[in-house]
Amino acid sequence: MNEYYHFVWKGYDEMKNVGFIGAGNMGYAIMSGIKRSAMSSDIALFVYDKFQEAMVRAQQLGAKGMPSAAELVGSCDYVFLAVKPQQLDEVLGEIKADVTKNTVIISICAGITDEYIASKTVEGAKVVLVMPNTPLLLGEGATALSRSDSVSDAEFDFVCSIFGASGIYAVVPKDKMKEIISINGSSPAFIYLYAQSFVKYAVSVGIDEKAAVELFAKSLIGSAKMITDSGKTIDELIEMVSSKGGTTIAGLEKLRAGGLDEAVQECCKACTKRAYELSK
């Protein structure tokens, strides 16, 4: 059974050099989480991004800009591959000569396996696979992690702590890292689309858009807390809101008749299928 964890900072005896190849939305979110946390004083951040604007934004956080991905790897104990899967081969080609068996590579590239990264760098490479999500930007991230056998407990604990500093994390089997993407990695976009439909309805019946956004967003937050903290099952929570012959029942009947459950299942399957395609 998998467990999820909150952050507890233990402190380290010496400074850790942590580098980011890629400083886009997700790389920046992870760096921001580090800088906001108690870990900040024990971590030196390095960054390389081919886009100057992204570099400048990361440097404003306190990261040291590096002239190349290869030079970043040569300076860091832990290296984040915070690039798109389609860009990964180019990056791995640039850093191959500088990756050693002591380099801990943290990949947020959807669908990419640790074996693939090792095949492009060094045999037995230390690889941590991560599926984060964008709420990391607000300290509300939900991150799934797994590791290759060569990663030590201490190294993995350190990487987990980085994500625990910006939310919660769960350790999952390596062979489920593609399946988990729809659950926490891509799901914020699916939730936003769902929310958008409610807001559109509110506007269509003359309700102020700002009020609708705030009310529905708070309902999402409260409902999520009920799932995690009430001790009740999701079926029980649905029943709590559903009075016989009432408004909720009428709405639920339409969602079920419209195939909501089937649509969600197909959404998750499509997400997973694409992850397997990206891994080839």
Protein backbone atom coordinates (compact mmCIF):
# COMPACT_ATOMS: atom_id res chain seq x y z
CA MET A 1 0.00 0.00 0.00
CA ASN A 2 1.37 3.39 -0.98
CA GLU A 3 1.48 6.20 1.56
CA TYR A 4 1.70 9.93 1.09
CA TYR A 5 3.94 12.18 3.10
CA HIS A 6 4.15 15.74 4.30
CA PHE A 7 7.42 17.60 4.58
CA VAL A 8 9.63 17.35 7.65
CA TRP A 9 13.03 19.04 7.16
CA LYS A 10 15.87 17.20 8.88
CA GLY A 11 18.75 19.44 7.88
CA TYR A 12 22.01 18.37 6.22
CA ASP A 13 25.63 18.55 7.27
CA GLU A 14 26.81 20.14 4.05
CA MET A 15 25.50 22.26 1.20
CA LYS A 16 23.83 20.40 -1.67
CA ASN A 17 24.30 21.67 -5.21
CA VAL A 18 21.03 21.24 -7.10
CA GLY A 19 20.82 22.11 -10.79
CA PHE A 20 17.90 22.62 -13.14
CA ILE A 21 18.14 22.06 -16.85
CA GLY A 22 15.00 23.86 -17.86
CA ALA A 23 13.40 26.73 -15.96
CA GLY A 24 9.91 26.70 -17.44
CA ASN A 25 6.71 26.56 -15.40
CA MET A 26 7.47 23.31 -13.59
CA GLY A 27 11.19 23.89 -13.07
CA TYR A 28 10.45 27.37 -11.75
CA ALA A 29 7.72 25.99 -9.45
CA ILE A 30 10.11 23.46 -7.92
CA MET A 31 12.82 26.09 -7.45
CA SER A 32 10.29 28.43 -5.86
CA GLY A 33 9.28 25.70 -3.43
CA ILE A 34 12.88 25.15 -2.41
CA LYS A 35 13.46 28.85 -1.85
CA ARG A 36 10.32 29.19 0.30
CA SER A 37 11.22 26.23 2.49
CA ALA A 38 13.55 25.55 5.41
CA MET A 39 15.78 23.71 2.91
CA SER A 40 16.82 26.94 1.22
CA SER A 41 19.85 27.60 3.42
CA ASP A 42 21.23 24.11 2.73
CA ILE A 43 20.82 24.13 -1.07
CA ALA A 44 22.74 26.03 -3.74
CA LEU A 45 20.63 26.34 -6.89
CA PHE A 46 22.06 26.29 -10.42
CA VAL A 47 20.13 26.74 -13.64
CA TYR A 48 20.52 26.48 -17.38
CA ASP A 49 17.83 27.25 -19.92
CA LYS A 50 18.33 28.11 -23.56
CA PHE A 51 15.70 30.85 -23.21
CA GLN A 52 17.19 33.94 -21.60
CA GLU A 53 13.89 35.08 -20.11
CA ALA A 54 13.54 31.81 -18.19
CA MET A 55 17.15 32.08 -17.01
CA VAL A 56 16.63 35.61 -15.71
CA ARG A 57 13.48 34.62 -13.82
CA ALA A 58 15.32 31.72 -12.14
CA GLN A 59 18.28 33.93 -11.30
CA GLN A 60 15.92 36.38 -9.62
CA LEU A 61 15.03 33.53 -7.27
CA GLY A 62 18.71 33.18 -6.38
CA ALA A 63 19.78 30.43 -8.78
CA LYS A 64 23.23 30.74 -10.37
CA GLY A 65 23.02 30.82 -14.16
CA MET A 66 25.29 28.40 -16.02
CA PRO A 67 26.58 28.81 -19.60
CA SER A 68 25.63 25.26 -20.65
CA ALA A 69 23.81 22.14 -19.52
CA ALA A 70 27.10 20.23 -19.45
CA GLU A 71 28.76 22.76 -17.13
CA LEU A 72 25.74 22.66 -14.84
CA VAL A 73 25.98 18.87 -14.52
CA GLY A 74 29.67 19.14 -13.73
CA SER A 75 28.89 21.48 -10.82
CA CYS A 76 25.91 19.68 -9.26
CA ASP A 77 25.19 16.67 -7.08
CA TYR A 78 21.52 16.56 -8.14
CA VAL A 79 20.34 17.47 -11.63
CA PHE A 80 16.71 18.09 -12.60
CA LEU A 81 15.73 17.36 -16.19
CA ALA A 82 12.88 19.87 -16.30
CA VAL A 83 12.36 19.78 -20.06
CA LYS A 84 9.72 18.38 -22.37
CA PRO A 85 10.11 14.69 -23.32
CA GLN A 86 10.62 15.73 -26.94
CA GLN A 87 13.69 17.76 -25.91
CA LEU A 88 15.23 15.08 -23.73
CA ASP A 89 17.45 13.32 -26.28
CA GLU A 90 19.15 16.58 -27.19
CA VAL A 91 19.77 17.40 -23.52
CA LEU A 92 21.07 13.92 -22.68
CA GLY A 93 23.45 14.15 -25.63
CA GLU A 94 24.82 17.43 -24.27
CA ILE A 95 25.39 16.17 -20.72
CA LYS A 96 26.40 12.54 -21.32
CA ALA A 97 30.13 13.14 -20.90
CA ASP A 98 29.62 14.97 -17.61
CA VAL A 99 27.21 12.56 -15.90
CA THR A 100 28.95 10.25 -13.45
CA LYS A 101 27.71 7.30 -11.42
CA ASN A 102 27.41 9.70 -8.47
CA THR A 103 25.15 12.17 -10.28
CA VAL A 104 21.54 11.92 -9.15
CA ILE A 105 19.31 12.70 -12.13
CA ILE A 106 15.74 13.76 -11.38
CA SER A 107 13.48 13.51 -14.41
CA ILE A 108 10.06 15.15 -14.65
CA CYS A 109 9.68 14.04 -18.28
CA ALA A 110 6.39 12.24 -18.69
CA GLY A 111 6.68 8.65 -19.85
CA ILE A 112 10.50 8.44 -19.79
CA THR A 113 12.00 5.51 -17.86
CA ASP A 114 15.12 5.37 -15.73
CA GLU A 115 16.50 2.67 -18.03
CA TYR A 116 16.20 4.99 -21.01
CA ILE A 117 18.07 7.80 -19.22
CA ALA A 118 20.81 5.37 -18.16
CA SER A 119 21.14 4.11 -21.73
CA LYS A 120 21.83 7.68 -22.89
CA THR A 121 24.21 8.62 -20.07
CA VAL A 122 26.03 6.05 -17.90
CA GLU A 123 25.29 2.43 -17.06
CA GLY A 124 23.60 2.17 -13.68
CA ALA A 125 22.81 5.89 -13.58
CA LYS A 126 21.09 7.14 -10.46
CA VAL A 127 17.65 8.24 -11.62
CA VAL A 128 14.63 9.49 -9.72
CA LEU A 129 11.42 9.65 -11.75
CA VAL A 130 9.01 12.38 -10.70
CA MET A 131 5.49 13.33 -11.72
CA PRO A 132 4.75 16.70 -10.08
CA ASN A 133 1.93 19.15 -10.75
CA THR A 134 1.63 22.91 -11.12
CA PRO A 135 0.03 23.60 -7.68
CA LEU A 136 3.63 23.34 -6.46
CA LEU A 137 3.70 27.06 -7.30
CA LEU A 138 1.42 27.69 -4.31
CA GLY A 139 2.93 25.10 -2.00
CA GLU A 140 0.00 22.76 -2.68
CA GLY A 141 1.71 20.22 -4.93
CA ALA A 142 0.94 16.52 -5.14
CA THR A 143 3.96 14.63 -6.48
CA ALA A 144 4.54 10.96 -7.31
CA LEU A 145 8.10 9.57 -7.21
CA SER A 146 10.00 6.36 -7.88
CA ARG A 147 13.70 5.54 -8.18
CA SER A 148 16.22 3.29 -9.83
CA ASP A 149 17.93 0.68 -7.64
CA SER A 150 21.20 2.63 -7.70
CA VAL A 151 19.72 5.60 -5.81
CA SER A 152 20.51 5.37 -2.10
CA ASP A 153 17.91 5.84 0.63
CA ALA A 154 19.56 9.12 1.69
CA GLU A 155 19.60 10.46 -1.88
CA PHE A 156 15.97 9.52 -2.44
CA ASP A 157 14.96 11.01 0.89
CA PHE A 158 16.57 14.29 -0.12
CA VAL A 159 14.68 14.42 -3.44
CA CYS A 160 11.41 13.51 -1.72
CA SER A 161 12.01 16.34 0.77
CA ILE A 162 12.25 18.86 -2.08
CA PHE A 163 8.72 17.97 -3.18
CA GLY A 164 7.42 17.58 0.33
CA ALA A 165 8.44 21.20 0.91
CA SER A 166 5.76 22.28 -1.59
CA GLY A 167 2.91 19.93 -0.76
CA ILE A 168 2.69 16.17 -0.34
CA TYR A 169 4.38 13.33 -2.17
CA ALA A 170 3.74 9.63 -2.67
CA VAL A 171 6.21 6.88 -3.59
CA VAL A 172 4.81 4.61 -6.29
CA PRO A 173 6.21 1.60 -8.18
CA LYS A 174 8.29 2.44 -11.25
CA ASP A 175 5.93 0.51 -13.49
CA LYS A 176 3.03 2.79 -12.49
CA MET A 177 4.69 6.12 -13.21
CA LYS A 178 2.89 6.42 -16.55
CA GLU A 179 -0.48 5.48 -15.10
CA ILE A 180 -0.17 8.02 -12.27
CA ILE A 181 0.13 10.97 -14.68
CA SER A 182 -3.62 11.32 -15.16
CA ILE A 183 -4.21 11.17 -11.40
CA ASN A 184 -1.96 14.00 -10.27
CA GLY A 185 0.14 15.36 -13.13
CA SER A 186 -2.44 16.15 -15.79
CA SER A 187 -5.52 16.19 -13.53
CA PRO A 188 -5.32 19.91 -12.66
CA ALA A 189 -6.10 20.71 -16.32
CA PHE A 190 -9.04 18.29 -16.26
CA ILE A 191 -10.33 19.89 -13.06
CA TYR A 192 -9.97 23.39 -14.56
CA LEU A 193 -12.01 22.32 -17.58
CA TYR A 194 -14.71 20.92 -15.29
CA ALA A 195 -14.72 24.15 -13.29
CA GLN A 196 -14.94 26.23 -16.45
CA SER A 197 -18.23 24.56 -17.39
CA PHE A 198 -19.81 25.52 -14.06
CA VAL A 199 -18.64 29.10 -14.39
CA LYS A 200 -20.00 29.30 -17.93
CA TYR A 201 -23.38 28.14 -16.65
CA ALA A 202 -23.33 30.74 -13.87
CA VAL A 203 -22.61 33.54 -16.33
CA SER A 204 -25.32 32.28 -18.70
CA VAL A 205 -27.97 32.69 -15.96
CA GLY A 206 -26.77 36.16 -14.93
CA ILE A 207 -24.47 35.38 -12.00
CA ASP A 208 -21.33 37.49 -11.65
CA GLU A 209 -18.34 35.57 -13.03
CA LYS A 210 -15.99 36.54 -10.20
CA ALA A 211 -18.49 35.42 -7.57
CA ALA A 212 -19.05 32.13 -9.41
CA VAL A 213 -15.30 31.46 -9.67
CA GLU A 214 -14.75 32.16 -5.97
CA LEU A 215 -17.73 30.09 -4.82
CA PHE A 216 -16.93 27.12 -7.03
CA ALA A 217 -13.19 27.21 -6.25
CA LYS A 218 -13.91 27.23 -2.53
CA SER A 219 -16.32 24.35 -3.05
CA LEU A 220 -13.52 22.40 -4.73
CA ILE A 221 -11.15 23.12 -1.85
CA GLY A 222 -13.74 22.17 0.76
CA SER A 223 -14.75 19.02 -1.09
CA ALA A 224 -11.12 17.94 -1.38
CA LYS A 225 -10.68 18.44 2.37
CA MET A 226 -13.79 16.33 2.99
CA ILE A 227 -12.27 13.52 0.89
CA THR A 228 -8.96 13.59 2.77
CA ASP A 229 -10.06 14.55 6.30
CA SER A 230 -13.67 13.50 6.95
CA GLY A 231 -12.99 9.77 7.28
CA LYS A 232 -15.87 9.04 4.93
CA THR A 233 -15.78 7.24 1.59
CA ILE A 234 -16.50 9.16 -1.60
CA ASP A 235 -19.83 7.33 -1.94
CA GLU A 236 -20.76 8.40 1.59
CA LEU A 237 -19.81 12.00 0.83
CA ILE A 238 -22.02 12.00 -2.28
CA GLU A 239 -24.90 10.66 -0.21
CA MET A 240 -24.43 13.43 2.39
CA VAL A 241 -25.22 16.05 -0.25
CA SER A 242 -27.98 14.11 -1.99
CA SER A 243 -31.47 14.46 -0.50
CA LYS A 244 -34.15 12.26 -2.07
CA GLY A 245 -35.99 14.15 -4.76
CA GLY A 246 -33.72 17.15 -4.31
CA THR A 247 -31.65 19.36 -6.59
CA THR A 248 -28.39 17.39 -6.21
CA ILE A 249 -30.01 14.12 -7.22
CA ALA A 250 -31.45 15.79 -10.33
CA GLY A 251 -27.99 17.04 -11.31
CA LEU A 252 -26.27 13.72 -10.55
CA GLU A 253 -28.74 11.88 -12.77
CA LYS A 254 -27.81 14.12 -15.70
CA LEU A 255 -24.06 13.65 -15.11
CA ARG A 256 -24.47 9.90 -15.02
CA ALA A 257 -26.76 9.87 -18.06
CA GLY A 258 -24.17 11.98 -19.88
CA GLY A 259 -21.50 9.38 -19.22
CA LEU A 260 -19.29 11.36 -16.83
CA ASP A 261 -17.65 8.25 -15.37
CA GLU A 262 -16.97 6.78 -18.81
CA ALA A 263 -15.58 10.10 -20.06
CA VAL A 264 -13.17 10.29 -17.11
CA GLN A 265 -12.04 6.70 -17.63
CA GLU A 266 -11.37 7.39 -21.32
CA CYS A 267 -9.56 10.61 -20.42
CA CYS A 268 -7.21 8.71 -18.08
CA LYS A 269 -6.63 5.95 -20.62
CA ALA A 270 -5.75 8.48 -23.34
CA CYS A 271 -3.33 10.23 -20.98
CA THR A 272 -1.62 6.94 -20.12
CA LYS A 273 -1.50 5.83 -23.74
CA ARG A 274 0.29 9.03 -24.71
CA ALA A 275 2.79 8.52 -21.89
CA TYR A 276 3.68 5.08 -23.29
CA GLU A 277 4.06 6.60 -26.76
CA LEU A 278 6.47 9.22 -25.40
CA SER A 279 8.57 6.51 -23.76
CA LYS A 280 9.43 4.86 -27.08
